Amino acid sequence: MYKRSRGEGFGNEVKRRIMIGTYVLSAGYYDAYYLKAQQIRHLISDDFKKAFEQVDLIMGPTTPEPAFKLGAKSKDPVSMYLNDIYTISANLAGLPGISVPCGFSAGLPVGLQMIAPAFMESRLLNVAHKYQQVTDWHKRMPADYE
């Protein structure tokens, strides 16, 4: 069951990322990558703590460019990874984050990312919910799908 659920439960992109993570954590790379990454993770977390002394939430774009059409970058995984660049810091710092629809560019959806301090999921969800109450972006579809 374990083998079947892992083989069928994840798409190709998720499997690729799992394999890369497994490779980086393998014996020969642990010291070179993992320990250094932990040090950087601590620095990122400290920067967020300082920022949250002055603000309640951090908001910004979810990705550096609008969504791409389905399958458009499946042959270019590096390009897909680069679209995650804005969401990585919250993951590294262990902070709650959410992305909500906030508009369209060239007919493709744009996301608004919200990041809250540690253990402030309720604040994050309340703000995201309020945002969706006063906008209708989450109800709209890209032009190609209407």
N, C-alpha and C. Protein backbone atom coordinates (compact mmCIF):
# COMPACT_ATOMS: atom_id res chain seq x y z
N MET A 1 0.82 -1.18 0.00
CA MET A 1 0.00 0.00 0.00
C MET A 1 0.88 1.26 0.00
N TYR A 2 1.95 1.23 0.79
CA TYR A 2 2.84 2.41 0.89
C TYR A 2 3.41 2.77 -0.48
N LYS A 3 3.93 1.76 -1.19
CA LYS A 3 4.52 2.01 -2.51
C LYS A 3 3.47 2.54 -3.48
N ARG A 4 2.29 1.95 -3.45
CA ARG A 4 1.23 2.37 -4.37
C ARG A 4 0.76 3.79 -4.06
N SER A 5 0.59 4.11 -2.77
CA SER A 5 0.10 5.45 -2.42
C SER A 5 1.13 6.52 -2.77
N ARG A 6 2.41 6.21 -2.63
CA ARG A 6 3.44 7.19 -2.98
C ARG A 6 3.55 7.33 -4.50
N GLY A 7 3.33 6.25 -5.21
CA GLY A 7 3.43 6.30 -6.66
C GLY A 7 2.24 6.98 -7.31
N GLU A 8 1.07 6.78 -6.75
CA GLU A 8 -0.14 7.33 -7.35
C GLU A 8 -0.59 8.62 -6.68
N GLY A 9 -0.16 8.85 -5.46
CA GLY A 9 -0.64 10.00 -4.70
C GLY A 9 0.04 11.31 -5.03
N PHE A 10 1.18 11.27 -5.68
CA PHE A 10 1.92 12.48 -6.00
C PHE A 10 2.10 12.62 -7.50
N GLY A 11 2.04 13.86 -7.97
CA GLY A 11 2.30 14.14 -9.38
C GLY A 11 3.80 14.11 -9.65
N ASN A 12 4.17 14.23 -10.92
CA ASN A 12 5.58 14.17 -11.31
C ASN A 12 6.40 15.27 -10.65
N GLU A 13 5.85 16.46 -10.53
CA GLU A 13 6.61 17.57 -9.95
C GLU A 13 6.90 17.31 -8.48
N VAL A 14 5.93 16.83 -7.73
CA VAL A 14 6.14 16.53 -6.31
C VAL A 14 7.17 15.42 -6.17
N LYS A 15 7.08 14.38 -6.99
CA LYS A 15 8.07 13.30 -6.94
C LYS A 15 9.47 13.82 -7.23
N ARG A 16 9.60 14.72 -8.20
CA ARG A 16 10.90 15.30 -8.55
C ARG A 16 11.48 16.06 -7.36
N ARG A 17 10.65 16.83 -6.68
CA ARG A 17 11.13 17.61 -5.53
C ARG A 17 11.51 16.71 -4.36
N ILE A 18 10.77 15.64 -4.15
CA ILE A 18 11.12 14.68 -3.10
C ILE A 18 12.48 14.05 -3.40
N MET A 19 12.70 13.68 -4.64
CA MET A 19 13.97 13.06 -5.02
C MET A 19 15.14 14.03 -4.85
N ILE A 20 14.95 15.28 -5.20
CA ILE A 20 16.01 16.28 -5.03
C ILE A 20 16.33 16.44 -3.55
N GLY A 21 15.29 16.53 -2.72
CA GLY A 21 15.51 16.65 -1.28
C GLY A 21 16.22 15.44 -0.71
N THR A 22 15.85 14.27 -1.15
CA THR A 22 16.50 13.04 -0.68
C THR A 22 17.97 13.04 -1.08
N TYR A 23 18.25 13.47 -2.29
CA TYR A 23 19.63 13.51 -2.79
C TYR A 23 20.47 14.48 -1.96
N VAL A 24 19.93 15.66 -1.69
CA VAL A 24 20.68 16.67 -0.95
C VAL A 24 20.95 16.20 0.48
N LEU A 25 20.03 15.45 1.06
CA LEU A 25 20.22 14.97 2.43
C LEU A 25 21.03 13.67 2.51
N SER A 26 21.46 13.15 1.37
CA SER A 26 22.25 11.92 1.39
C SER A 26 23.59 12.17 2.08
N ALA A 27 24.26 11.12 2.44
CA ALA A 27 25.45 11.19 3.29
C ALA A 27 26.50 12.20 2.81
N GLY A 28 26.82 12.21 1.56
CA GLY A 28 27.89 13.07 1.06
C GLY A 28 27.55 14.54 1.02
N TYR A 29 26.30 14.88 1.13
CA TYR A 29 25.89 16.27 0.99
C TYR A 29 25.33 16.88 2.28
N TYR A 30 25.17 16.09 3.32
CA TYR A 30 24.56 16.57 4.55
C TYR A 30 25.28 17.80 5.09
N ASP A 31 26.59 17.68 5.29
CA ASP A 31 27.35 18.80 5.85
C ASP A 31 27.39 19.99 4.90
N ALA A 32 27.55 19.71 3.63
CA ALA A 32 27.70 20.79 2.65
C ALA A 32 26.41 21.59 2.49
N TYR A 33 25.26 20.95 2.53
CA TYR A 33 24.02 21.64 2.24
C TYR A 33 23.12 21.83 3.47
N TYR A 34 22.84 20.76 4.17
CA TYR A 34 21.84 20.81 5.23
C TYR A 34 22.25 21.74 6.37
N LEU A 35 23.46 21.59 6.86
CA LEU A 35 23.89 22.42 7.99
C LEU A 35 23.94 23.89 7.61
N LYS A 36 24.42 24.19 6.42
CA LYS A 36 24.46 25.58 5.95
C LYS A 36 23.04 26.12 5.79
N ALA A 37 22.15 25.30 5.27
CA ALA A 37 20.76 25.72 5.09
C ALA A 37 20.11 26.02 6.44
N GLN A 38 20.42 25.26 7.47
CA GLN A 38 19.87 25.51 8.79
C GLN A 38 20.34 26.86 9.34
N GLN A 39 21.59 27.21 9.07
CA GLN A 39 22.11 28.51 9.51
C GLN A 39 21.37 29.65 8.79
N ILE A 40 21.18 29.49 7.51
CA ILE A 40 20.48 30.52 6.72
C ILE A 40 19.02 30.60 7.17
N ARG A 41 18.42 29.47 7.44
CA ARG A 41 17.04 29.43 7.91
C ARG A 41 16.88 30.24 9.20
N HIS A 42 17.85 30.14 10.09
CA HIS A 42 17.81 30.89 11.35
C HIS A 42 17.88 32.40 11.07
N LEU A 43 18.73 32.81 10.14
CA LEU A 43 18.84 34.23 9.78
C LEU A 43 17.52 34.76 9.20
N ILE A 44 16.90 33.98 8.34
CA ILE A 44 15.62 34.38 7.73
C ILE A 44 14.55 34.52 8.82
N SER A 45 14.50 33.57 9.72
CA SER A 45 13.53 33.61 10.81
C SER A 45 13.72 34.87 11.66
N ASP A 46 14.97 35.21 11.96
CA ASP A 46 15.25 36.43 12.74
C ASP A 46 14.79 37.68 12.01
N ASP A 47 14.99 37.73 10.71
CA ASP A 47 14.53 38.89 9.93
C ASP A 47 13.02 39.05 9.99
N PHE A 48 12.30 37.94 9.90
CA PHE A 48 10.84 38.00 10.00
C PHE A 48 10.42 38.47 11.39
N LYS A 49 11.06 37.97 12.43
CA LYS A 49 10.71 38.39 13.80
C LYS A 49 10.86 39.90 13.95
N LYS A 50 11.93 40.45 13.39
CA LYS A 50 12.15 41.91 13.46
C LYS A 50 11.05 42.64 12.69
N ALA A 51 10.69 42.15 11.53
CA ALA A 51 9.64 42.79 10.74
C ALA A 51 8.30 42.76 11.47
N PHE A 52 7.99 41.65 12.12
CA PHE A 52 6.71 41.53 12.80
C PHE A 52 6.64 42.34 14.10
N GLU A 53 7.74 42.93 14.50
CA GLU A 53 7.68 43.88 15.61
C GLU A 53 7.00 45.18 15.17
N GLN A 54 6.93 45.41 13.84
CA GLN A 54 6.38 46.65 13.31
C GLN A 54 5.08 46.46 12.52
N VAL A 55 4.82 45.25 12.05
CA VAL A 55 3.63 45.00 11.22
C VAL A 55 2.90 43.75 11.70
N ASP A 56 1.61 43.67 11.36
CA ASP A 56 0.79 42.52 11.74
C ASP A 56 0.92 41.37 10.75
N LEU A 57 1.00 41.70 9.47
CA LEU A 57 1.13 40.73 8.39
C LEU A 57 2.07 41.29 7.34
N ILE A 58 2.63 40.39 6.55
CA ILE A 58 3.42 40.80 5.39
C ILE A 58 2.66 40.33 4.16
N MET A 59 2.45 41.24 3.22
CA MET A 59 1.73 40.89 2.00
C MET A 59 2.57 41.23 0.79
N GLY A 60 2.43 40.43 -0.23
CA GLY A 60 3.14 40.67 -1.48
C GLY A 60 2.67 39.67 -2.52
N PRO A 61 3.26 39.72 -3.69
CA PRO A 61 2.86 38.77 -4.73
C PRO A 61 3.26 37.34 -4.35
N THR A 62 2.49 36.39 -4.80
CA THR A 62 2.80 34.99 -4.55
C THR A 62 3.92 34.51 -5.45
N THR A 63 3.94 34.99 -6.67
CA THR A 63 4.95 34.59 -7.65
C THR A 63 5.48 35.83 -8.38
N PRO A 64 6.65 35.72 -8.99
CA PRO A 64 7.21 36.87 -9.70
C PRO A 64 6.47 37.23 -10.99
N GLU A 65 5.63 36.33 -11.47
CA GLU A 65 4.86 36.58 -12.69
C GLU A 65 3.51 35.92 -12.55
N PRO A 66 2.55 36.29 -13.39
CA PRO A 66 1.23 35.65 -13.30
C PRO A 66 1.33 34.14 -13.52
N ALA A 67 0.27 33.46 -13.16
CA ALA A 67 0.21 32.02 -13.39
C ALA A 67 0.49 31.72 -14.86
N PHE A 68 1.04 30.56 -15.12
CA PHE A 68 1.25 30.16 -16.51
C PHE A 68 0.18 29.14 -16.87
N LYS A 69 -0.05 28.99 -18.16
CA LYS A 69 -1.08 28.06 -18.61
C LYS A 69 -0.70 26.63 -18.21
N LEU A 70 -1.70 25.82 -17.97
CA LEU A 70 -1.48 24.43 -17.58
C LEU A 70 -0.54 23.74 -18.56
N GLY A 71 0.49 23.11 -18.04
CA GLY A 71 1.43 22.36 -18.86
C GLY A 71 2.47 23.21 -19.56
N ALA A 72 2.39 24.54 -19.45
CA ALA A 72 3.29 25.42 -20.21
C ALA A 72 4.75 25.25 -19.80
N LYS A 73 5.02 24.93 -18.56
CA LYS A 73 6.41 24.85 -18.10
C LYS A 73 6.79 23.45 -17.65
N SER A 74 6.02 22.46 -18.03
CA SER A 74 6.29 21.10 -17.56
C SER A 74 7.61 20.56 -18.06
N LYS A 75 8.12 21.10 -19.14
CA LYS A 75 9.41 20.65 -19.67
C LYS A 75 10.56 21.51 -19.17
N ASP A 76 10.25 22.49 -18.33
CA ASP A 76 11.26 23.40 -17.80
C ASP A 76 11.10 23.52 -16.29
N PRO A 77 11.52 22.47 -15.54
CA PRO A 77 11.30 22.49 -14.09
C PRO A 77 12.01 23.64 -13.38
N VAL A 78 13.14 24.09 -13.87
CA VAL A 78 13.84 25.20 -13.22
C VAL A 78 12.98 26.45 -13.26
N SER A 79 12.33 26.70 -14.38
CA SER A 79 11.44 27.84 -14.50
C SER A 79 10.28 27.72 -13.51
N MET A 80 9.77 26.50 -13.33
CA MET A 80 8.69 26.29 -12.36
C MET A 80 9.21 26.55 -10.95
N TYR A 81 10.41 26.09 -10.62
CA TYR A 81 10.98 26.31 -9.29
C TYR A 81 11.13 27.80 -9.01
N LEU A 82 11.54 28.55 -10.01
CA LEU A 82 11.74 29.99 -9.82
C LEU A 82 10.44 30.71 -9.50
N ASN A 83 9.32 30.16 -9.92
CA ASN A 83 8.03 30.76 -9.59
C ASN A 83 7.68 30.58 -8.12
N ASP A 84 8.36 29.70 -7.42
CA ASP A 84 8.12 29.48 -5.99
C ASP A 84 8.95 30.41 -5.11
N ILE A 85 9.81 31.20 -5.69
CA ILE A 85 10.82 31.95 -4.95
C ILE A 85 10.24 32.82 -3.84
N TYR A 86 9.07 33.42 -4.05
CA TYR A 86 8.50 34.31 -3.04
C TYR A 86 7.86 33.56 -1.87
N THR A 87 7.54 32.30 -2.06
CA THR A 87 6.88 31.54 -0.99
C THR A 87 7.87 30.76 -0.13
N ILE A 88 9.08 30.66 -0.57
CA ILE A 88 10.07 29.84 0.13
C ILE A 88 10.43 30.41 1.50
N SER A 89 10.52 31.72 1.62
CA SER A 89 10.97 32.31 2.89
C SER A 89 10.02 31.97 4.04
N ALA A 90 8.73 31.99 3.81
CA ALA A 90 7.79 31.63 4.88
C ALA A 90 7.98 30.18 5.30
N ASN A 91 8.20 29.31 4.33
CA ASN A 91 8.43 27.90 4.64
C ASN A 91 9.71 27.72 5.45
N LEU A 92 10.77 28.40 5.05
CA LEU A 92 12.04 28.28 5.76
C LEU A 92 11.94 28.81 7.19
N ALA A 93 11.18 29.88 7.37
CA ALA A 93 11.03 30.48 8.69
C ALA A 93 9.98 29.77 9.54
N GLY A 94 9.25 28.83 8.96
CA GLY A 94 8.22 28.11 9.69
C GLY A 94 7.01 28.97 10.01
N LEU A 95 6.68 29.87 9.09
CA LEU A 95 5.58 30.81 9.33
C LEU A 95 4.35 30.43 8.52
N PRO A 96 3.16 30.73 9.06
CA PRO A 96 1.95 30.46 8.29
C PRO A 96 1.80 31.46 7.15
N GLY A 97 1.42 30.95 6.00
CA GLY A 97 1.20 31.80 4.84
C GLY A 97 0.02 31.28 4.04
N ILE A 98 -0.54 32.17 3.26
CA ILE A 98 -1.67 31.81 2.40
C ILE A 98 -1.58 32.64 1.14
N SER A 99 -2.07 32.10 0.06
CA SER A 99 -2.16 32.83 -1.20
C SER A 99 -3.62 32.89 -1.61
N VAL A 100 -4.08 34.10 -1.92
CA VAL A 100 -5.46 34.28 -2.36
C VAL A 100 -5.45 34.99 -3.71
N PRO A 101 -6.44 34.71 -4.54
CA PRO A 101 -6.52 35.40 -5.84
C PRO A 101 -6.71 36.90 -5.64
N CYS A 102 -6.01 37.69 -6.46
CA CYS A 102 -6.14 39.15 -6.31
C CYS A 102 -6.23 39.87 -7.65
N GLY A 103 -6.39 39.15 -8.73
CA GLY A 103 -6.53 39.83 -10.01
C GLY A 103 -6.05 38.96 -11.16
N PHE A 104 -5.95 39.61 -12.32
CA PHE A 104 -5.50 38.93 -13.53
C PHE A 104 -4.51 39.83 -14.26
N SER A 105 -3.59 39.20 -14.95
CA SER A 105 -2.66 39.90 -15.83
C SER A 105 -2.60 39.11 -17.12
N ALA A 106 -2.89 39.78 -18.21
CA ALA A 106 -2.95 39.11 -19.52
C ALA A 106 -3.87 37.89 -19.47
N GLY A 107 -4.96 38.00 -18.72
CA GLY A 107 -5.94 36.93 -18.64
C GLY A 107 -5.57 35.79 -17.71
N LEU A 108 -4.41 35.86 -17.04
CA LEU A 108 -3.96 34.80 -16.14
C LEU A 108 -4.00 35.28 -14.70
N PRO A 109 -4.33 34.39 -13.76
CA PRO A 109 -4.50 34.80 -12.36
C PRO A 109 -3.20 35.27 -11.69
N VAL A 110 -3.39 36.19 -10.77
CA VAL A 110 -2.30 36.70 -9.93
C VAL A 110 -2.68 36.41 -8.48
N GLY A 111 -1.69 35.99 -7.68
CA GLY A 111 -1.95 35.68 -6.29
C GLY A 111 -1.36 36.71 -5.35
N LEU A 112 -2.06 36.93 -4.24
CA LEU A 112 -1.58 37.77 -3.15
C LEU A 112 -1.18 36.85 -2.00
N GLN A 113 0.08 36.91 -1.61
CA GLN A 113 0.57 36.10 -0.51
C GLN A 113 0.51 36.90 0.79
N MET A 114 0.03 36.26 1.83
CA MET A 114 0.01 36.86 3.16
C MET A 114 0.79 35.95 4.09
N ILE A 115 1.66 36.55 4.91
CA ILE A 115 2.47 35.80 5.87
C ILE A 115 2.22 36.40 7.24
N ALA A 116 2.00 35.53 8.23
CA ALA A 116 1.74 35.98 9.61
C ALA A 116 2.87 35.51 10.52
N PRO A 117 2.96 36.12 11.69
CA PRO A 117 3.94 35.65 12.67
C PRO A 117 3.64 34.20 13.08
N ALA A 118 4.62 33.57 13.67
CA ALA A 118 4.47 32.18 14.13
C ALA A 118 3.25 32.06 15.06
N PHE A 119 2.50 31.01 14.87
CA PHE A 119 1.33 30.67 15.68
C PHE A 119 0.19 31.69 15.59
N MET A 120 0.20 32.50 14.53
CA MET A 120 -0.87 33.49 14.34
C MET A 120 -1.74 33.11 13.13
N GLU A 121 -2.00 31.83 12.99
CA GLU A 121 -2.83 31.36 11.89
C GLU A 121 -4.21 32.00 11.91
N SER A 122 -4.76 32.21 13.11
CA SER A 122 -6.10 32.80 13.20
C SER A 122 -6.10 34.21 12.59
N ARG A 123 -5.08 34.99 12.86
CA ARG A 123 -4.99 36.33 12.27
C ARG A 123 -4.92 36.24 10.75
N LEU A 124 -4.07 35.33 10.28
CA LEU A 124 -3.89 35.16 8.84
C LEU A 124 -5.20 34.76 8.16
N LEU A 125 -5.88 33.79 8.72
CA LEU A 125 -7.13 33.32 8.12
C LEU A 125 -8.22 34.38 8.20
N ASN A 126 -8.26 35.14 9.28
CA ASN A 126 -9.25 36.21 9.40
C ASN A 126 -9.03 37.29 8.35
N VAL A 127 -7.79 37.68 8.14
CA VAL A 127 -7.50 38.71 7.13
C VAL A 127 -7.81 38.19 5.73
N ALA A 128 -7.40 36.96 5.45
CA ALA A 128 -7.68 36.38 4.12
C ALA A 128 -9.19 36.28 3.89
N HIS A 129 -9.92 35.87 4.90
CA HIS A 129 -11.37 35.76 4.78
C HIS A 129 -12.00 37.14 4.55
N LYS A 130 -11.56 38.12 5.31
CA LYS A 130 -12.08 39.49 5.15
C LYS A 130 -11.78 40.01 3.74
N TYR A 131 -10.57 39.75 3.26
CA TYR A 131 -10.20 40.17 1.91
C TYR A 131 -11.16 39.57 0.88
N GLN A 132 -11.47 38.29 1.05
CA GLN A 132 -12.37 37.65 0.09
C GLN A 132 -13.81 38.13 0.25
N GLN A 133 -14.16 38.63 1.41
CA GLN A 133 -15.50 39.19 1.58
C GLN A 133 -15.66 40.52 0.84
N VAL A 134 -14.57 41.28 0.72
CA VAL A 134 -14.66 42.61 0.09
C VAL A 134 -14.19 42.61 -1.36
N THR A 135 -13.76 41.47 -1.87
CA THR A 135 -13.38 41.35 -3.29
C THR A 135 -14.09 40.14 -3.87
N ASP A 136 -14.05 40.03 -5.18
CA ASP A 136 -14.66 38.84 -5.80
C ASP A 136 -13.66 38.09 -6.69
N TRP A 137 -12.38 38.33 -6.49
CA TRP A 137 -11.37 37.67 -7.33
C TRP A 137 -11.45 36.15 -7.24
N HIS A 138 -11.77 35.64 -6.08
CA HIS A 138 -11.84 34.20 -5.88
C HIS A 138 -13.02 33.56 -6.61
N LYS A 139 -13.92 34.37 -7.11
CA LYS A 139 -15.08 33.85 -7.84
C LYS A 139 -14.89 33.92 -9.36
N ARG A 140 -13.86 34.62 -9.79
CA ARG A 140 -13.64 34.80 -11.23
C ARG A 140 -12.75 33.70 -11.80
N MET A 141 -12.92 33.47 -13.08
CA MET A 141 -12.13 32.47 -13.81
C MET A 141 -11.30 33.16 -14.88
N PRO A 142 -10.15 32.58 -15.23
CA PRO A 142 -9.38 33.15 -16.35
C PRO A 142 -10.21 33.16 -17.62
N ALA A 143 -9.91 34.09 -18.50
CA ALA A 143 -10.68 34.27 -19.72
C ALA A 143 -10.82 32.99 -20.53
N ASP A 144 -9.77 32.16 -20.57
CA ASP A 144 -9.80 30.92 -21.35
C ASP A 144 -10.78 29.89 -20.80
N TYR A 145 -11.21 30.05 -19.54
CA TYR A 145 -12.07 29.05 -18.91
C TYR A 145 -13.50 29.51 -18.72
N GLU A 146 -13.79 30.76 -19.05
CA GLU A 146 -15.15 31.27 -18.85
C GLU A 146 -16.07 30.79 -19.94
